[in-house]
Protein backbone atom coordinates (compact mmCIF):
# COMPACT_ATOMS: atom_id res chain seq x y z
CA MET A 1 96.93 120.42 119.76
CA ALA A 2 99.65 117.84 120.58
CA LEU A 3 96.76 115.12 119.92
CA LEU A 4 96.19 116.16 116.98
CA MET A 5 99.81 115.92 115.76
CA PHE A 6 100.28 112.76 117.41
CA ARG A 7 97.20 111.13 115.50
CA THR A 8 98.44 112.68 112.25
CA PHE A 9 102.17 111.66 112.36
CA GLY A 10 101.44 108.43 114.13
CA MET A 11 99.32 107.58 111.13
CA ILE A 12 101.45 108.16 108.91
CA ILE A 13 104.37 106.55 110.51
CA LEU A 14 102.30 103.42 111.12
CA PHE A 15 101.39 103.20 107.10
CA PHE A 16 104.95 103.56 106.15
CA ILE A 17 105.97 100.57 108.88
CA VAL A 18 103.23 98.27 107.38
CA LEU A 19 103.96 99.07 104.28
CA THR A 20 107.69 98.37 104.71
CA MET A 21 106.83 95.19 106.11
CA TYR A 22 104.83 94.21 103.07
CA LEU A 23 107.61 95.14 100.83
CA LEU A 24 110.14 93.16 102.75
CA HIS A 25 107.97 90.19 103.07
CA ARG A 26 107.33 90.33 99.00
CA LYS A 27 111.14 91.11 98.21
CA LYS A 28 111.87 88.01 100.37
CA LYS A 29 109.38 85.96 98.90
CA GLU A 30 108.15 84.45 101.71
CA ASN A 31 104.70 82.92 102.28
CA PHE A 32 101.95 84.12 104.67
CA ILE A 33 100.83 80.33 104.84
CA LYS A 34 103.55 78.59 106.99
CA TYR A 35 102.10 75.52 106.89
CA LYS A 36 104.06 72.79 104.81
CA ALA A 37 101.75 71.02 102.25
CA THR A 38 101.38 67.65 102.39
CA ASN A 39 100.57 66.40 98.72
CA GLU A 40 100.10 68.36 95.62
CA GLU A 41 96.62 69.16 95.88
CA GLU A 42 97.08 70.78 99.11
CA LYS A 43 100.36 72.64 97.44
CA ARG A 44 98.16 74.24 94.87
CA LYS A 45 95.27 75.12 97.18
CA TYR A 46 97.89 77.08 99.22
CA GLN A 47 99.26 78.73 96.26
CA LYS A 48 95.97 80.10 95.44
CA TRP A 49 95.46 81.23 99.04
CA GLU A 50 99.02 82.63 98.74
CA LYS A 51 97.94 85.07 95.44
CA ARG A 52 94.60 85.92 97.31
CA ILE A 53 96.20 86.99 100.45
CA ASN A 54 99.05 89.09 98.41
CA VAL A 55 96.01 90.79 96.21
CA MET A 56 94.26 91.60 99.68
CA ALA A 57 97.01 92.78 101.32
CA ALA A 58 98.19 95.28 98.41
CA ILE A 59 94.38 96.17 98.12
CA GLY A 60 94.35 97.17 101.80
CA LEU A 61 97.23 99.13 101.31
CA ILE A 62 96.24 101.00 98.59
CA ILE A 63 92.69 101.84 100.23
CA VAL A 64 94.52 102.84 103.34
CA ALA A 65 96.73 105.11 101.22
CA ILE A 66 93.95 106.99 99.70
CA PHE A 67 91.55 107.55 102.53
CA ILE A 68 93.79 107.71 105.50
CA THR A 69 97.59 108.40 104.71
CA ILE A 70 97.25 111.06 102.13
CA PRO A 71 94.66 113.27 103.80
CA CYS A 72 96.60 113.31 107.17
CA CYS A 73 99.91 114.52 104.59
CA LEU A 74 97.46 117.34 103.19
CA ASP A 75 96.65 118.36 107.00
CA ILE A 76 100.82 118.75 108.05
CA PRO A 77 100.97 122.35 106.40
CA TYR A 78 97.56 123.30 108.71
CA LEU A 79 98.98 121.54 111.43
CA LEU A 80 102.86 123.19 111.36
CA SER A 81 101.55 126.58 110.65
CA ASP A 82 98.44 126.01 113.36
CA ASN A 83 96.14 127.33 110.76
CA LEU A 84 93.51 125.05 111.77
CA ILE A 85 89.52 125.86 110.67
CA GLU A 86 88.03 127.68 113.71
CA VAL A 87 84.34 127.54 113.94
CA THR A 88 81.76 129.10 116.52
CA GLY A 89 78.28 127.81 116.70
CA GLU A 90 75.70 125.70 117.77
CA VAL A 91 75.86 121.70 118.13
CA ILE A 92 72.80 120.55 115.51
CA GLN A 93 73.74 116.74 115.83
CA GLY A 94 76.13 114.61 117.78
CA SER A 95 77.41 111.63 119.47
CA THR A 96 75.85 111.35 122.62
CA ALA A 97 75.92 107.62 123.88
CA GLY A 98 77.88 107.54 126.89
CA ALA A 99 78.22 111.25 127.30
CA ASN A 100 80.65 111.27 130.55
CA SER A 101 83.28 108.97 128.90
CA ASN A 102 85.81 110.00 126.62
CA SER A 103 86.12 108.66 123.35
CA ASP A 104 86.22 109.29 119.38
CA ARG A 105 82.78 111.40 118.68
CA ARG A 106 81.41 113.19 115.48
CA ILE A 107 79.57 116.54 115.92
CA HIS A 108 77.91 118.55 113.29
CA ILE A 109 78.04 122.40 114.16
CA ARG A 110 75.94 125.23 112.35
CA GLU A 111 78.25 128.41 112.34
CA ASN A 112 76.43 131.22 113.90
CA ILE A 113 77.45 134.03 111.18
CA THR A 114 77.04 132.36 107.97
CA GLY A 115 74.89 129.54 108.90
CA LYS A 116 77.15 126.75 107.40
CA GLU A 117 77.47 123.24 108.65
CA HIS A 118 80.31 121.93 109.77
CA SER A 119 81.21 117.96 110.77
CA LEU A 120 84.22 117.06 112.49
CA ILE A 121 85.19 114.46 115.11
CA TYR A 122 87.11 115.05 118.03
CA TRP A 123 88.22 113.28 121.39
CA GLY A 124 86.32 113.85 124.31
CA THR A 125 83.05 113.65 125.94
CA GLY A 126 79.71 114.03 124.47
CA SER A 127 77.93 117.78 123.75
CA ASP A 128 74.50 118.37 123.74
CA ILE A 129 72.58 119.34 121.18
CA GLY A 130 71.91 123.31 121.11
CA GLU A 131 75.20 123.58 122.92
CA LYS A 132 77.18 126.66 121.89
CA ILE A 133 80.83 125.63 121.18
CA THR A 134 84.02 126.60 119.60
CA VAL A 135 85.96 123.98 117.68
CA ARG A 136 89.17 123.91 115.65
CA TYR A 137 89.73 120.90 113.15
CA LEU A 138 92.01 119.77 109.95
CA PRO A 139 90.21 120.15 106.90
CA TYR A 140 91.24 116.92 105.20
CA THR A 141 90.76 114.48 108.11
CA GLU A 142 88.41 116.58 109.91
CA TYR A 143 89.79 115.74 113.19
CA GLY A 144 89.79 118.67 115.81
CA TYR A 145 89.25 119.35 119.40
CA ILE A 146 86.77 121.72 121.32
CA VAL A 147 88.12 124.88 122.42
CA GLU A 148 85.37 126.19 124.78
């Protein structure tokens, strides 16, 4: 549970740190390219690349906000109330490469009662296909942990 809180709040804090750095960079009107141009042609070329870099950075921040930060923010009430989705079932598909080492792994579980499939990411060792496990995970980021 502590790992989920650390990961969720860490992602949100990291996004806002990077966003603040980008906004301060834009406010000061600094250039990403620090090299001084020696002639007009180089100056125009660097200005064109500066515009491209600024657009790519802004688009990158928007993509990260939509696909990472917003789902993390939506998961906060579930974390604070300890109201995670709990599923008991059989592993039907999963990441088993390097099964004895800890890493981020995605598994798919078929619930015993309803037969519904759930997919989640967790940190740990690999799970065997057919193994009966209980997991708890966040609904928006689909990140969780194995209970048993």
